Protein backbone atom coordinates (compact mmCIF):
# COMPACT_ATOMS: atom_id res chain seq x y z
CA MET A 1 -0.08 0.00 0.67
CA THR A 2 1.21 3.61 -0.83
CA TYR A 3 0.86 5.89 1.61
CA THR A 4 0.22 9.56 1.37
CA THR A 5 -0.76 10.58 4.75
CA ILE A 6 1.76 8.68 7.28
CA THR A 7 5.25 7.59 6.65
CA LEU A 8 6.88 4.44 7.25
CA ASP A 9 10.37 3.33 8.16
CA VAL A 10 11.90 -0.05 9.54
CA THR A 11 15.22 0.38 10.36
CA ASP A 12 17.10 -2.21 12.79
CA ALA A 13 13.96 -3.84 13.61
CA ILE A 14 12.33 -0.46 14.88
CA ALA A 15 9.37 0.49 12.95
CA THR A 16 8.24 4.44 12.74
CA VAL A 17 4.95 5.59 11.72
CA THR A 18 4.79 9.43 11.59
CA LEU A 19 1.64 11.06 10.53
CA ASN A 20 2.82 13.13 8.00
CA ARG A 21 0.16 16.24 7.38
CA PRO A 22 2.08 18.87 8.98
CA ASP A 23 -0.32 21.72 7.37
CA ARG A 24 -3.06 20.36 9.10
CA MET A 25 -1.55 19.86 12.47
CA ASN A 26 -1.69 16.28 11.27
CA ALA A 27 -5.35 15.99 12.01
CA CYS A 28 -6.33 12.82 11.47
CA SER A 29 -8.75 11.82 8.11
CA LEU A 30 -9.65 8.48 7.76
CA GLU A 31 -7.53 7.38 5.32
CA MET A 32 -4.85 8.56 7.67
CA ALA A 33 -6.59 6.44 10.00
CA ASP A 34 -6.80 2.73 7.88
CA GLU A 35 -3.14 3.99 6.93
CA ILE A 36 -2.24 3.57 10.30
CA ASN A 37 -3.91 0.27 9.89
CA ASP A 38 -2.67 -0.94 7.45
CA ALA A 39 0.49 -0.10 8.13
CA VAL A 40 1.20 -1.19 11.92
CA SER A 41 -0.78 -5.10 10.74
CA THR A 42 1.39 -5.17 8.35
CA LEU A 43 5.03 -5.19 10.40
CA LYS A 44 6.91 -8.01 9.84
CA ASP A 45 10.56 -7.03 10.23
CA ALA A 46 10.42 -5.01 13.51
CA ARG A 47 10.01 -5.56 16.87
CA ALA A 48 9.14 -2.11 18.29
CA LEU A 49 7.27 0.70 17.42
CA VAL A 50 7.13 4.91 17.16
CA ILE A 51 4.48 7.09 16.56
CA THR A 52 4.98 10.46 16.25
CA GLY A 53 4.20 13.36 14.43
CA ALA A 54 5.87 15.45 11.48
CA GLY A 55 6.17 19.48 11.88
CA ARG A 56 4.83 21.15 15.49
CA GLY A 57 2.23 18.76 16.08
CA PHE A 58 1.48 15.06 17.10
CA CYS A 59 -2.01 15.09 15.63
CA SER A 60 -4.54 17.62 16.66
CA GLY A 61 -7.89 14.85 15.97
CA ALA A 62 -9.73 13.95 13.54
CA ASP A 63 -9.94 15.81 9.97
CA LEU A 64 -13.72 17.69 10.41
CA GLN A 65 -12.98 19.62 7.25
CA SER A 66 -14.03 15.91 5.04
CA THR A 67 -16.77 16.44 3.08
CA GLY A 68 -19.07 14.94 0.85
CA GLU A 69 -19.21 10.93 1.50
CA ARG A 70 -15.79 11.26 3.25
CA SER A 71 -17.85 13.56 5.78
CA ILE A 72 -16.67 12.29 9.43
CA THR A 73 -19.19 15.37 11.23
CA GLY A 74 -22.52 15.01 11.34
CA GLY A 75 -23.93 11.62 13.84
CA GLU A 76 -24.34 9.12 11.38
CA GLY A 77 -21.49 10.30 9.97
CA SER A 78 -19.29 10.33 12.85
CA TYR A 79 -20.95 6.97 14.19
CA ILE A 80 -19.41 5.17 10.32
CA ALA A 81 -16.20 6.81 10.74
CA LEU A 82 -15.74 5.45 14.44
CA THR A 83 -16.69 2.20 13.50
CA ARG A 84 -15.29 1.05 10.76
CA HIS A 85 -12.27 3.51 10.59
CA TYR A 86 -11.16 4.91 13.76
CA ASN A 87 -11.91 2.23 16.20
CA PRO A 88 -10.18 -0.53 13.71
CA LEU A 89 -7.12 1.66 14.00
CA MET A 90 -7.26 1.21 17.97
CA ILE A 91 -7.93 -2.19 18.69
CA SER A 92 -5.27 -3.00 15.63
CA LEU A 93 -3.07 -0.91 18.16
CA ALA A 94 -4.08 -2.50 21.48
CA ARG A 95 -3.57 -6.38 19.96
CA LEU A 96 -0.09 -5.13 18.21
CA ASN A 97 2.47 -7.79 19.91
CA MET A 98 5.32 -5.37 19.86
CA PRO A 99 5.76 -2.90 22.64
CA ILE A 100 4.68 0.69 21.25
CA ILE A 101 6.20 4.69 21.83
CA CYS A 102 4.34 7.24 21.40
CA ALA A 103 6.54 10.89 20.89
CA VAL A 104 4.60 13.44 21.18
CA ASN A 105 5.19 16.12 20.35
CA GLY A 106 2.95 19.44 20.28
CA ALA A 107 -0.77 19.72 20.43
CA ALA A 108 -2.34 15.41 21.27
CA ALA A 109 -5.97 16.86 20.33
CA GLY A 110 -9.65 14.05 20.23
CA VAL A 111 -8.14 11.50 18.27
CA GLY A 112 -4.97 12.40 17.92
CA CYS A 113 -5.49 12.34 22.01
CA SER A 114 -6.38 8.24 22.14
CA ILE A 115 -3.64 7.50 19.47
CA ALA A 116 -0.86 9.05 22.12
CA LEU A 117 -2.05 6.71 25.48
CA ALA A 118 -2.27 3.95 23.39
CA GLY A 119 1.52 3.54 23.25
CA ASP A 120 2.80 1.42 25.81
CA PHE A 121 5.55 4.29 26.84
CA VAL A 122 4.97 8.05 26.27
CA LEU A 123 6.72 10.01 25.45
CA ALA A 124 5.96 13.83 25.45
CA ALA A 125 8.16 16.72 24.72
CA LYS A 126 7.47 19.85 27.22
CA SER A 127 5.96 22.06 24.58
CA ALA A 128 3.71 18.86 24.37
CA TYR A 129 -0.53 18.73 25.93
CA PHE A 130 -3.12 16.82 25.72
CA LEU A 131 -7.11 17.70 25.02
CA GLN A 132 -9.87 16.04 25.47
CA ALA A 133 -11.43 18.73 22.95
CA PHE A 134 -14.97 17.07 22.28
CA VAL A 135 -17.06 19.48 24.80
CA ASN A 136 -15.67 22.56 23.36
CA ILE A 137 -17.65 21.54 19.54
CA GLY A 138 -20.56 19.89 21.68
CA LEU A 139 -19.42 16.32 20.94
CA VAL A 140 -18.14 12.86 23.14
CA PRO A 141 -15.06 12.02 23.33
CA ASP A 142 -14.40 8.54 21.32
CA GLY A 143 -11.16 6.28 19.89
CA GLY A 144 -11.62 4.92 23.64
CA ALA A 145 -10.87 7.81 25.64
CA SER A 146 -13.74 7.03 28.08
CA TRP A 147 -12.24 3.69 28.64
CA MET A 148 -8.46 4.59 28.88
CA LEU A 149 -8.61 7.84 30.97
CA PRO A 150 -10.69 6.50 34.53
CA ARG A 151 -7.94 3.36 34.16
CA MET A 152 -5.10 6.15 33.55
CA VAL A 153 -5.89 8.91 35.66
CA GLY A 154 -9.11 8.15 38.02
CA LYS A 155 -12.40 9.02 37.54
CA ALA A 156 -11.93 12.57 38.83
CA ARG A 157 -9.03 13.78 36.30
CA ALA A 158 -10.63 11.98 33.70
CA THR A 159 -14.31 14.30 33.83
CA GLU A 160 -11.81 17.23 34.60
CA MET A 161 -10.37 16.53 31.01
CA MET A 162 -13.77 15.42 28.96
CA MET A 163 -15.97 18.32 30.95
CA LEU A 164 -13.46 20.98 31.15
CA GLY A 165 -12.23 20.48 27.67
CA GLU A 166 -8.55 22.20 29.01
CA LYS A 167 -4.95 21.16 27.53
CA ILE A 168 -2.92 18.77 29.75
CA GLY A 169 0.28 19.58 29.72
CA ALA A 170 3.32 17.47 29.54
CA GLU A 171 4.83 17.64 32.78
CA LYS A 172 1.25 17.67 34.54
CA ALA A 173 -0.01 14.69 32.87
CA VAL A 174 3.87 13.04 33.86
CA ASP A 175 2.52 14.37 37.42
CA TRP A 176 -0.90 12.34 36.50
CA GLY A 177 -0.20 9.26 35.96
CA MET A 178 -0.96 9.49 31.96
CA ILE A 179 2.16 9.71 30.16
CA TYR A 180 5.71 7.65 31.26
CA LYS A 181 8.23 10.64 30.88
CA CYS A 182 8.69 14.27 29.73
CA VAL A 183 11.43 15.63 27.70
CA GLU A 184 13.11 18.56 26.28
CA ASP A 185 11.42 18.98 23.37
CA ASP A 186 15.06 18.90 21.66
CA ALA A 187 15.66 15.41 23.02
CA LEU A 188 12.84 13.89 21.93
CA ALA A 189 13.31 11.97 19.23
CA ALA A 190 16.89 10.86 20.64
CA GLU A 191 14.93 9.20 23.82
CA ALA A 192 12.13 7.72 22.07
CA HIS A 193 14.68 5.83 19.69
CA ALA A 194 16.83 5.27 22.57
CA LEU A 195 13.94 3.55 24.45
CA ALA A 196 12.89 1.96 21.09
CA SER A 197 15.98 0.22 20.78
CA ARG A 198 16.44 -0.69 23.82
CA LEU A 199 12.71 -2.87 23.53
CA ALA A 200 13.14 -3.36 19.72
CA ASN A 201 16.41 -6.07 21.31
CA GLY A 202 14.07 -7.38 24.28
CA PRO A 203 12.33 -10.43 24.41
CA THR A 204 9.35 -9.78 22.11
CA ALA A 205 7.44 -12.72 22.56
CA ALA A 206 7.41 -11.79 27.06
CA TYR A 207 7.17 -8.33 25.85
CA ALA A 208 3.68 -8.98 23.48
CA THR A 209 2.55 -11.14 26.20
CA MET A 210 2.48 -8.44 28.30
CA ARG A 211 0.59 -5.66 26.39
CA LYS A 212 -2.33 -9.00 26.09
CA ASN A 213 -2.22 -9.52 30.25
CA ILE A 214 -2.28 -5.55 31.04
CA LEU A 215 -5.10 -4.98 28.46
CA ILE A 216 -7.56 -8.01 29.54
CA ALA A 217 -6.83 -7.55 33.39
CA MET A 218 -8.98 -4.43 33.41
CA GLU A 219 -11.92 -6.48 33.23
CA ASN A 220 -10.51 -10.14 34.44
CA SER A 221 -10.73 -11.17 37.88
CA TYR A 222 -7.63 -11.99 40.31
CA SER A 223 -8.77 -16.05 39.15
CA GLU A 224 -8.69 -14.83 35.73
CA GLN A 225 -5.24 -12.86 35.62
CA LEU A 226 -3.83 -15.97 37.29
CA LEU A 227 -4.71 -18.18 34.28
CA ALA A 228 -3.75 -15.91 31.92
CA GLU A 229 -0.42 -15.36 34.06
CA ALA A 230 -0.23 -19.07 33.33
CA GLU A 231 -1.13 -19.07 29.97
CA GLY A 232 1.57 -16.60 29.03
CA GLN A 233 3.95 -18.04 31.19
CA ARG A 234 3.91 -21.32 29.10
CA ILE A 235 3.95 -19.11 25.55
CA ALA A 236 6.90 -16.99 27.31
CA GLY A 237 8.42 -20.25 28.03
CA SER A 238 8.49 -21.98 24.96
CA SER A 239 9.96 -19.52 23.28
CA ALA A 240 13.70 -18.70 21.71
CA ASP A 241 14.32 -15.94 23.90
CA ALA A 242 13.55 -17.12 27.47
CA ARG A 243 16.26 -20.56 26.78
CA GLU A 244 18.63 -17.70 26.30
CA GLY A 245 17.67 -15.45 29.23
CA ILE A 246 17.32 -18.43 31.29
CA LEU A 247 21.08 -19.54 29.89
CA ALA A 248 22.95 -16.35 30.30
CA PHE A 249 21.14 -15.54 33.56
CA LEU A 250 23.38 -18.96 34.63
CA GLN A 251 25.73 -18.16 32.76
CA LYS A 252 26.44 -14.18 34.58
CA ARG A 253 26.08 -12.81 30.86
CA LYS A 254 23.47 -10.46 29.26
CA ALA A 255 20.69 -12.05 27.16
CA GLU A 256 21.11 -11.73 23.36
CA PHE A 257 17.64 -11.61 23.10
CA THR A 258 16.73 -12.65 19.13
CA GLY A 259 12.66 -12.05 19.18
CA GLN A 260 11.73 -15.93 18.80
């Protein structure tokens, strides 16, 4: 697939998806949602994924200027856009079998906020901010925001974000426990790459199982989660990386994981 709204690069087992509509603050059109979904669904040689934005913003939200049959405005248009385009993207990110690092530069608003917070590790530049902008135009949060935010920051802060529609700066987002780290603007790309390199050289099968177990833990009972962990350990424990990790531990050396 040829991409027109994003770029995809895979180097040294690190895939980088860059939202690439800088003239529109990377507003997420239906095409962009579909292209991101295609990109993350077809990664073969990668063991970690970085998502970032071109220019001065991460993503300003859904593209409300789309018109005609591709319009996402109006109740029915919004419903179709979400169920056919944005929601499948969010599910793909949740189910991806490798760690996701989101490097947030500038605004992460609306569905762009949801995409950013889908990362396992969210790094934000000091000038970045997160915004649930929906209430300001008479709409409601989507892209999984009403599921993610209460679990990340609690009901009171999630309600503040969604009902007041005010910007949450990167440093405040760290303080709230919403994101992993806030860094200087000019250090964002290097920090994201260093973390991605570390993860890309780790035990990929174990990471994939961790991602799944963290996701289902939100709904599972304690006993259900214990079983999920046992099943996950069976999968991870049968991998070549686990055999290498145990051997390296016994030999008192650093493990060399291959992602197998």
